[in-house]
Amino acid sequence: MRFLPHSLFLVLATAPGLVRAQAVLLPADSIGCATAFSGHVKTADKPVAGASVGVRGTNVMVVTNELGFFVLPPTVRGQPTISVSAMGYAPLALTLTACGPVTLDIKVLPDTKFKKHGRNKGFLMPPKRSK
């Protein structure tokens, strides 16, 4: 028998004599999260600093630190849907269904160029203007 952590089995009687069990994932606040939702935004194993992480349906918005980590305020409860965006990267949305930290791998948009050398290494390069 396989046990699912942080889940509840809901037993449904569908017809006389027929019973069905279904695993239901509980919202994070109902399973007693001791900490706030948190995570790491990266691309190709490199952190994405300065990415915006917002909670849909609220005014909550945080920015990842230089290592790509973020922590949502403890007022965010239930199963929030977060949206992640950063210049030069494809946006990403995800519904958080567990307490543990989440790792979000965002993809670089096509034709995005980053400076490879010099003082501004790693910064986005402006698109070339056509003459």
N, C-alpha and C. Protein backbone atom coordinates (compact mmCIF):
# COMPACT_ATOMS: atom_id res chain seq x y z
N MET A 1 0.84 -1.17 0.00
CA MET A 1 0.00 0.00 0.00
C MET A 1 0.88 1.24 0.00
N ARG A 2 0.53 2.22 -0.81
CA ARG A 2 1.32 3.44 -0.92
C ARG A 2 0.61 4.56 -0.17
N PHE A 3 1.35 5.27 0.68
CA PHE A 3 0.79 6.37 1.43
C PHE A 3 1.16 7.68 0.77
N LEU A 4 0.22 8.58 0.69
CA LEU A 4 0.47 9.89 0.12
C LEU A 4 0.62 10.90 1.24
N PRO A 5 1.76 11.58 1.35
CA PRO A 5 1.94 12.57 2.40
C PRO A 5 1.01 13.75 2.18
N HIS A 6 0.53 14.31 3.25
CA HIS A 6 -0.31 15.51 3.22
C HIS A 6 -1.53 15.35 2.33
N SER A 7 -2.16 14.18 2.38
CA SER A 7 -3.37 14.01 1.60
C SER A 7 -4.43 13.37 2.48
N LEU A 8 -5.63 13.43 2.02
CA LEU A 8 -6.77 12.90 2.74
C LEU A 8 -7.51 12.00 1.78
N PHE A 9 -7.93 10.84 2.25
CA PHE A 9 -8.70 9.96 1.40
C PHE A 9 -10.16 10.25 1.62
N LEU A 10 -10.84 10.57 0.54
CA LEU A 10 -12.25 10.88 0.55
C LEU A 10 -12.97 9.65 0.04
N VAL A 11 -13.88 9.13 0.83
CA VAL A 11 -14.60 7.93 0.43
C VAL A 11 -15.96 8.36 -0.09
N LEU A 12 -16.26 7.93 -1.30
CA LEU A 12 -17.51 8.30 -1.96
C LEU A 12 -18.36 7.05 -2.18
N ALA A 13 -19.61 7.12 -1.82
CA ALA A 13 -20.54 6.04 -2.13
C ALA A 13 -21.25 6.43 -3.41
N THR A 14 -20.99 5.70 -4.48
CA THR A 14 -21.54 6.08 -5.79
C THR A 14 -22.84 5.36 -6.12
N ALA A 15 -23.03 4.21 -5.58
CA ALA A 15 -24.26 3.44 -5.79
C ALA A 15 -24.33 2.41 -4.67
N PRO A 16 -25.49 1.83 -4.43
CA PRO A 16 -25.58 0.83 -3.36
C PRO A 16 -24.54 -0.27 -3.55
N GLY A 17 -23.71 -0.46 -2.56
CA GLY A 17 -22.70 -1.50 -2.60
C GLY A 17 -21.40 -1.10 -3.28
N LEU A 18 -21.34 0.05 -3.96
CA LEU A 18 -20.12 0.50 -4.61
C LEU A 18 -19.52 1.66 -3.83
N VAL A 19 -18.28 1.51 -3.48
CA VAL A 19 -17.58 2.56 -2.75
C VAL A 19 -16.28 2.85 -3.47
N ARG A 20 -15.95 4.11 -3.60
CA ARG A 20 -14.74 4.51 -4.30
C ARG A 20 -13.94 5.42 -3.37
N ALA A 21 -12.61 5.22 -3.31
CA ALA A 21 -11.74 6.07 -2.51
C ALA A 21 -10.91 6.93 -3.45
N GLN A 22 -10.77 8.20 -3.10
CA GLN A 22 -10.01 9.13 -3.94
C GLN A 22 -9.10 9.96 -3.04
N ALA A 23 -7.84 10.10 -3.44
CA ALA A 23 -6.90 10.92 -2.69
C ALA A 23 -7.14 12.38 -3.04
N VAL A 24 -7.24 13.22 -2.03
CA VAL A 24 -7.47 14.64 -2.23
C VAL A 24 -6.32 15.39 -1.57
N LEU A 25 -5.63 16.23 -2.31
CA LEU A 25 -4.53 17.02 -1.76
C LEU A 25 -5.11 18.18 -0.97
N LEU A 26 -4.69 18.32 0.26
CA LEU A 26 -5.20 19.38 1.11
C LEU A 26 -4.50 20.69 0.86
N PRO A 27 -5.21 21.82 1.01
CA PRO A 27 -4.55 23.12 0.90
C PRO A 27 -3.44 23.26 1.93
N ALA A 28 -2.44 24.04 1.59
CA ALA A 28 -1.26 24.16 2.45
C ALA A 28 -1.61 24.63 3.85
N ASP A 29 -2.55 25.59 4.00
CA ASP A 29 -2.84 26.07 5.34
C ASP A 29 -3.60 25.04 6.15
N SER A 30 -4.30 24.11 5.52
CA SER A 30 -5.02 23.10 6.27
C SER A 30 -4.12 21.96 6.71
N ILE A 31 -2.93 21.86 6.16
CA ILE A 31 -2.01 20.81 6.60
C ILE A 31 -0.97 21.36 7.56
N GLY A 32 -1.19 22.60 8.01
CA GLY A 32 -0.34 23.15 9.06
C GLY A 32 1.04 23.56 8.60
N CYS A 33 1.16 24.29 7.50
CA CYS A 33 2.47 24.76 7.07
C CYS A 33 3.08 25.63 8.17
N ALA A 34 4.28 25.29 8.55
CA ALA A 34 4.96 26.05 9.60
C ALA A 34 5.62 27.30 9.03
N THR A 35 5.83 27.32 7.73
CA THR A 35 6.50 28.45 7.09
C THR A 35 5.68 28.95 5.91
N ALA A 36 6.07 30.07 5.38
CA ALA A 36 5.41 30.64 4.20
C ALA A 36 5.84 29.90 2.95
N PHE A 37 5.06 30.06 1.88
CA PHE A 37 5.45 29.48 0.60
C PHE A 37 6.75 30.11 0.14
N SER A 38 7.62 29.31 -0.46
CA SER A 38 8.90 29.83 -0.93
C SER A 38 9.32 29.03 -2.16
N GLY A 39 10.38 29.52 -2.81
CA GLY A 39 10.85 28.80 -3.97
C GLY A 39 12.11 29.38 -4.58
N HIS A 40 12.49 28.81 -5.71
CA HIS A 40 13.71 29.17 -6.42
C HIS A 40 13.38 29.25 -7.90
N VAL A 41 13.71 30.38 -8.53
CA VAL A 41 13.49 30.55 -9.96
C VAL A 41 14.84 30.42 -10.66
N LYS A 42 14.89 29.53 -11.67
CA LYS A 42 16.15 29.29 -12.36
C LYS A 42 15.89 29.02 -13.83
N THR A 43 16.97 29.02 -14.60
CA THR A 43 16.94 28.59 -15.98
C THR A 43 18.26 27.88 -16.26
N ALA A 44 18.19 26.70 -16.80
CA ALA A 44 19.40 25.93 -17.11
C ALA A 44 20.37 25.91 -15.93
N ASP A 45 19.85 25.65 -14.75
CA ASP A 45 20.64 25.56 -13.51
C ASP A 45 21.31 26.86 -13.11
N LYS A 46 20.89 28.00 -13.66
CA LYS A 46 21.40 29.31 -13.25
C LYS A 46 20.26 30.08 -12.61
N PRO A 47 20.51 30.75 -11.48
CA PRO A 47 19.43 31.50 -10.83
C PRO A 47 18.98 32.69 -11.67
N VAL A 48 17.70 33.03 -11.55
CA VAL A 48 17.16 34.21 -12.23
C VAL A 48 16.89 35.26 -11.16
N ALA A 49 17.79 36.23 -11.08
CA ALA A 49 17.64 37.32 -10.11
C ALA A 49 16.70 38.38 -10.66
N GLY A 50 15.89 38.97 -9.81
CA GLY A 50 15.02 40.06 -10.22
C GLY A 50 13.75 39.63 -10.92
N ALA A 51 13.40 38.35 -10.85
CA ALA A 51 12.14 37.89 -11.44
C ALA A 51 10.99 38.30 -10.52
N SER A 52 9.87 38.67 -11.11
CA SER A 52 8.68 39.03 -10.35
C SER A 52 7.85 37.78 -10.10
N VAL A 53 7.44 37.59 -8.85
CA VAL A 53 6.59 36.47 -8.47
C VAL A 53 5.34 37.07 -7.85
N GLY A 54 4.21 36.92 -8.53
CA GLY A 54 2.96 37.49 -8.05
C GLY A 54 1.95 36.41 -7.73
N VAL A 55 1.03 36.73 -6.82
CA VAL A 55 -0.05 35.81 -6.45
C VAL A 55 -1.30 36.30 -7.16
N ARG A 56 -1.83 35.48 -8.04
CA ARG A 56 -3.02 35.87 -8.81
C ARG A 56 -4.19 36.15 -7.88
N GLY A 57 -4.94 37.20 -8.22
CA GLY A 57 -6.12 37.56 -7.45
C GLY A 57 -5.82 38.39 -6.21
N THR A 58 -4.54 38.76 -6.02
CA THR A 58 -4.15 39.56 -4.86
C THR A 58 -3.22 40.68 -5.33
N ASN A 59 -2.81 41.51 -4.39
CA ASN A 59 -1.81 42.55 -4.67
C ASN A 59 -0.42 42.11 -4.24
N VAL A 60 -0.23 40.85 -3.93
CA VAL A 60 1.05 40.34 -3.44
C VAL A 60 2.01 40.14 -4.61
N MET A 61 3.18 40.78 -4.50
CA MET A 61 4.23 40.65 -5.53
C MET A 61 5.57 40.72 -4.81
N VAL A 62 6.43 39.75 -5.08
CA VAL A 62 7.79 39.76 -4.53
C VAL A 62 8.77 39.61 -5.68
N VAL A 63 10.04 39.88 -5.42
CA VAL A 63 11.09 39.80 -6.43
C VAL A 63 12.15 38.82 -5.93
N THR A 64 12.66 37.98 -6.83
CA THR A 64 13.70 37.03 -6.43
C THR A 64 15.00 37.77 -6.09
N ASN A 65 15.75 37.20 -5.16
CA ASN A 65 17.04 37.80 -4.79
C ASN A 65 18.11 37.41 -5.81
N GLU A 66 19.35 37.77 -5.53
CA GLU A 66 20.44 37.52 -6.48
C GLU A 66 20.70 36.03 -6.72
N LEU A 67 20.19 35.17 -5.84
CA LEU A 67 20.35 33.72 -6.01
C LEU A 67 19.08 33.07 -6.58
N GLY A 68 18.07 33.91 -6.90
CA GLY A 68 16.84 33.40 -7.50
C GLY A 68 15.79 32.93 -6.51
N PHE A 69 16.00 33.16 -5.21
CA PHE A 69 15.05 32.69 -4.20
C PHE A 69 14.00 33.74 -3.88
N PHE A 70 12.81 33.28 -3.48
CA PHE A 70 11.74 34.17 -3.05
C PHE A 70 10.98 33.54 -1.89
N VAL A 71 10.33 34.38 -1.10
CA VAL A 71 9.46 33.93 -0.01
C VAL A 71 8.20 34.79 -0.08
N LEU A 72 7.04 34.13 -0.14
CA LEU A 72 5.78 34.85 -0.13
C LEU A 72 5.41 35.19 1.31
N PRO A 73 4.68 36.28 1.53
CA PRO A 73 4.30 36.63 2.89
C PRO A 73 3.38 35.56 3.49
N PRO A 74 3.39 35.42 4.83
CA PRO A 74 2.58 34.38 5.47
C PRO A 74 1.07 34.60 5.32
N THR A 75 0.65 35.75 4.83
CA THR A 75 -0.78 35.99 4.60
C THR A 75 -1.31 35.21 3.41
N VAL A 76 -0.41 34.69 2.56
CA VAL A 76 -0.83 33.89 1.40
C VAL A 76 -1.14 32.48 1.90
N ARG A 77 -2.40 32.06 1.71
CA ARG A 77 -2.85 30.77 2.23
C ARG A 77 -3.55 29.97 1.14
N GLY A 78 -3.93 28.76 1.49
CA GLY A 78 -4.67 27.92 0.56
C GLY A 78 -3.77 27.36 -0.52
N GLN A 79 -4.26 27.36 -1.72
CA GLN A 79 -3.51 26.87 -2.88
C GLN A 79 -3.38 28.01 -3.88
N PRO A 80 -2.46 28.94 -3.62
CA PRO A 80 -2.35 30.11 -4.48
C PRO A 80 -1.77 29.77 -5.85
N THR A 81 -2.22 30.50 -6.85
CA THR A 81 -1.62 30.40 -8.18
C THR A 81 -0.65 31.56 -8.30
N ILE A 82 0.61 31.23 -8.56
CA ILE A 82 1.62 32.27 -8.71
C ILE A 82 1.97 32.42 -10.18
N SER A 83 2.35 33.63 -10.53
CA SER A 83 2.85 33.88 -11.89
C SER A 83 4.25 34.45 -11.78
N VAL A 84 5.14 33.94 -12.61
CA VAL A 84 6.54 34.34 -12.58
C VAL A 84 6.87 34.98 -13.92
N SER A 85 7.52 36.14 -13.87
CA SER A 85 7.92 36.78 -15.11
C SER A 85 9.25 37.51 -14.91
N ALA A 86 10.02 37.56 -15.97
CA ALA A 86 11.29 38.27 -15.97
C ALA A 86 11.58 38.66 -17.41
N MET A 87 12.21 39.81 -17.59
CA MET A 87 12.51 40.29 -18.93
C MET A 87 13.41 39.29 -19.65
N GLY A 88 13.00 38.90 -20.86
CA GLY A 88 13.78 37.96 -21.66
C GLY A 88 13.40 36.51 -21.44
N TYR A 89 12.44 36.24 -20.55
CA TYR A 89 12.02 34.88 -20.23
C TYR A 89 10.53 34.71 -20.48
N ALA A 90 10.11 33.49 -20.83
CA ALA A 90 8.68 33.19 -21.01
C ALA A 90 8.00 33.18 -19.65
N PRO A 91 6.82 33.79 -19.53
CA PRO A 91 6.11 33.79 -18.25
C PRO A 91 5.67 32.38 -17.87
N LEU A 92 5.48 32.17 -16.58
CA LEU A 92 5.11 30.85 -16.07
C LEU A 92 4.07 31.04 -14.98
N ALA A 93 3.07 30.17 -14.94
CA ALA A 93 2.06 30.18 -13.87
C ALA A 93 1.99 28.78 -13.27
N LEU A 94 1.78 28.73 -11.95
CA LEU A 94 1.75 27.46 -11.25
C LEU A 94 0.90 27.59 -10.00
N THR A 95 0.07 26.57 -9.73
CA THR A 95 -0.70 26.54 -8.50
C THR A 95 0.08 25.74 -7.47
N LEU A 96 0.34 26.35 -6.32
CA LEU A 96 1.10 25.70 -5.25
C LEU A 96 0.15 24.81 -4.46
N THR A 97 0.51 23.53 -4.31
CA THR A 97 -0.36 22.58 -3.64
C THR A 97 0.29 21.91 -2.44
N ALA A 98 1.50 22.32 -2.08
CA ALA A 98 2.19 21.73 -0.94
C ALA A 98 3.02 22.80 -0.24
N CYS A 99 3.44 22.50 0.98
CA CYS A 99 4.16 23.47 1.80
C CYS A 99 5.62 23.67 1.38
N GLY A 100 6.25 22.66 0.88
CA GLY A 100 7.69 22.72 0.63
C GLY A 100 8.08 23.72 -0.44
N PRO A 101 9.35 24.11 -0.46
CA PRO A 101 9.84 25.03 -1.48
C PRO A 101 9.67 24.44 -2.88
N VAL A 102 9.40 25.29 -3.83
CA VAL A 102 9.19 24.87 -5.21
C VAL A 102 10.33 25.42 -6.07
N THR A 103 10.76 24.63 -7.06
CA THR A 103 11.77 25.09 -8.01
C THR A 103 11.08 25.33 -9.34
N LEU A 104 11.22 26.54 -9.85
CA LEU A 104 10.57 26.93 -11.10
C LEU A 104 11.63 27.15 -12.15
N ASP A 105 11.55 26.41 -13.25
CA ASP A 105 12.52 26.50 -14.33
C ASP A 105 11.86 27.28 -15.47
N ILE A 106 12.26 28.53 -15.67
CA ILE A 106 11.66 29.33 -16.74
C ILE A 106 12.57 29.31 -17.96
N LYS A 107 11.96 29.46 -19.11
CA LYS A 107 12.68 29.33 -20.38
C LYS A 107 13.02 30.71 -20.95
N VAL A 108 14.20 30.80 -21.55
CA VAL A 108 14.62 32.03 -22.24
C VAL A 108 13.83 32.14 -23.53
N LEU A 109 13.32 33.34 -23.81
CA LEU A 109 12.58 33.56 -25.05
C LEU A 109 13.53 33.50 -26.25
N PRO A 110 13.02 33.07 -27.40
CA PRO A 110 13.86 33.05 -28.61
C PRO A 110 14.37 34.46 -28.93
N ASP A 111 15.53 34.55 -29.49
CA ASP A 111 16.17 35.82 -29.88
C ASP A 111 16.59 36.69 -28.71
N THR A 112 16.53 36.16 -27.47
CA THR A 112 17.01 36.92 -26.32
C THR A 112 18.52 36.78 -26.25
N LYS A 113 19.21 37.89 -26.10
CA LYS A 113 20.67 37.89 -26.03
C LYS A 113 21.11 38.49 -24.70
N PHE A 114 22.07 37.82 -24.07
CA PHE A 114 22.65 38.31 -22.82
C PHE A 114 24.10 38.70 -23.08
N LYS A 115 24.53 39.75 -22.44
CA LYS A 115 25.92 40.19 -22.57
C LYS A 115 26.82 39.14 -21.95
N LYS A 116 27.85 38.72 -22.66
CA LYS A 116 28.72 37.63 -22.20
C LYS A 116 30.01 38.09 -21.55
N HIS A 117 30.41 39.33 -21.79
CA HIS A 117 31.68 39.81 -21.25
C HIS A 117 31.51 41.23 -20.74
N GLY A 118 32.49 41.67 -19.98
CA GLY A 118 32.52 43.06 -19.55
C GLY A 118 31.77 43.34 -18.26
N ARG A 119 31.65 44.62 -17.99
CA ARG A 119 31.07 45.08 -16.74
C ARG A 119 29.62 44.63 -16.55
N ASN A 120 28.85 44.58 -17.61
CA ASN A 120 27.44 44.22 -17.52
C ASN A 120 27.15 42.78 -17.94
N LYS A 121 28.09 41.89 -17.69
CA LYS A 121 27.95 40.49 -18.05
C LYS A 121 26.66 39.93 -17.43
N GLY A 122 25.89 39.23 -18.25
CA GLY A 122 24.65 38.63 -17.78
C GLY A 122 23.43 39.51 -18.00
N PHE A 123 23.63 40.78 -18.34
CA PHE A 123 22.51 41.68 -18.59
C PHE A 123 21.94 41.43 -19.98
N LEU A 124 20.66 41.76 -20.14
CA LEU A 124 20.03 41.67 -21.46
C LEU A 124 20.62 42.70 -22.39
N MET A 125 20.85 42.30 -23.63
CA MET A 125 21.35 43.25 -24.63
C MET A 125 20.15 43.80 -25.39
N PRO A 126 20.18 45.09 -25.69
CA PRO A 126 19.07 45.66 -26.46
C PRO A 126 19.05 45.07 -27.86
N PRO A 127 17.84 44.95 -28.44
CA PRO A 127 17.78 44.41 -29.81
C PRO A 127 18.46 45.35 -30.79
N LYS A 128 19.03 44.78 -31.82
CA LYS A 128 19.69 45.59 -32.84
C LYS A 128 18.63 46.29 -33.66
N ARG A 129 18.87 47.55 -33.91
CA ARG A 129 17.92 48.33 -34.72
C ARG A 129 18.25 48.15 -36.18
N SER A 130 17.20 47.98 -36.96
CA SER A 130 17.42 47.86 -38.40
C SER A 130 17.54 49.25 -39.00
N LYS A 131 18.41 49.36 -39.98
CA LYS A 131 18.66 50.68 -40.59
C LYS A 131 17.76 50.95 -41.76
